[in-house]
């Protein structure tokens, strides 16, 4: 389960990352939350675990496919189940 960022805790200046990168990476690993890196008080990058990044990317791709499917249905771009089974070679 994803944990929402806590901006009061998950903001780190880039200079802190340069001085002690292990500490920032441990925080990401332990909290399972992304860390916002800042430079001169402005957000410049986000550090997050590869696992969380991949999960978010897969979730976005899935949701895009669902939305596209709903659009196709609204536009009448559908085929019968029998045709879909045949096209997929599942018959």
Foldseek 3Di string as FASTA:
>chain_A
DADEDDQVPQEEEVVVCVVCVPVNVVCQVVVVYKHFYDDPPDTDDIDHDPVVVVVVVVVVVVVVVVVVVVVCVVVVVDDDPVVVCVVVVND
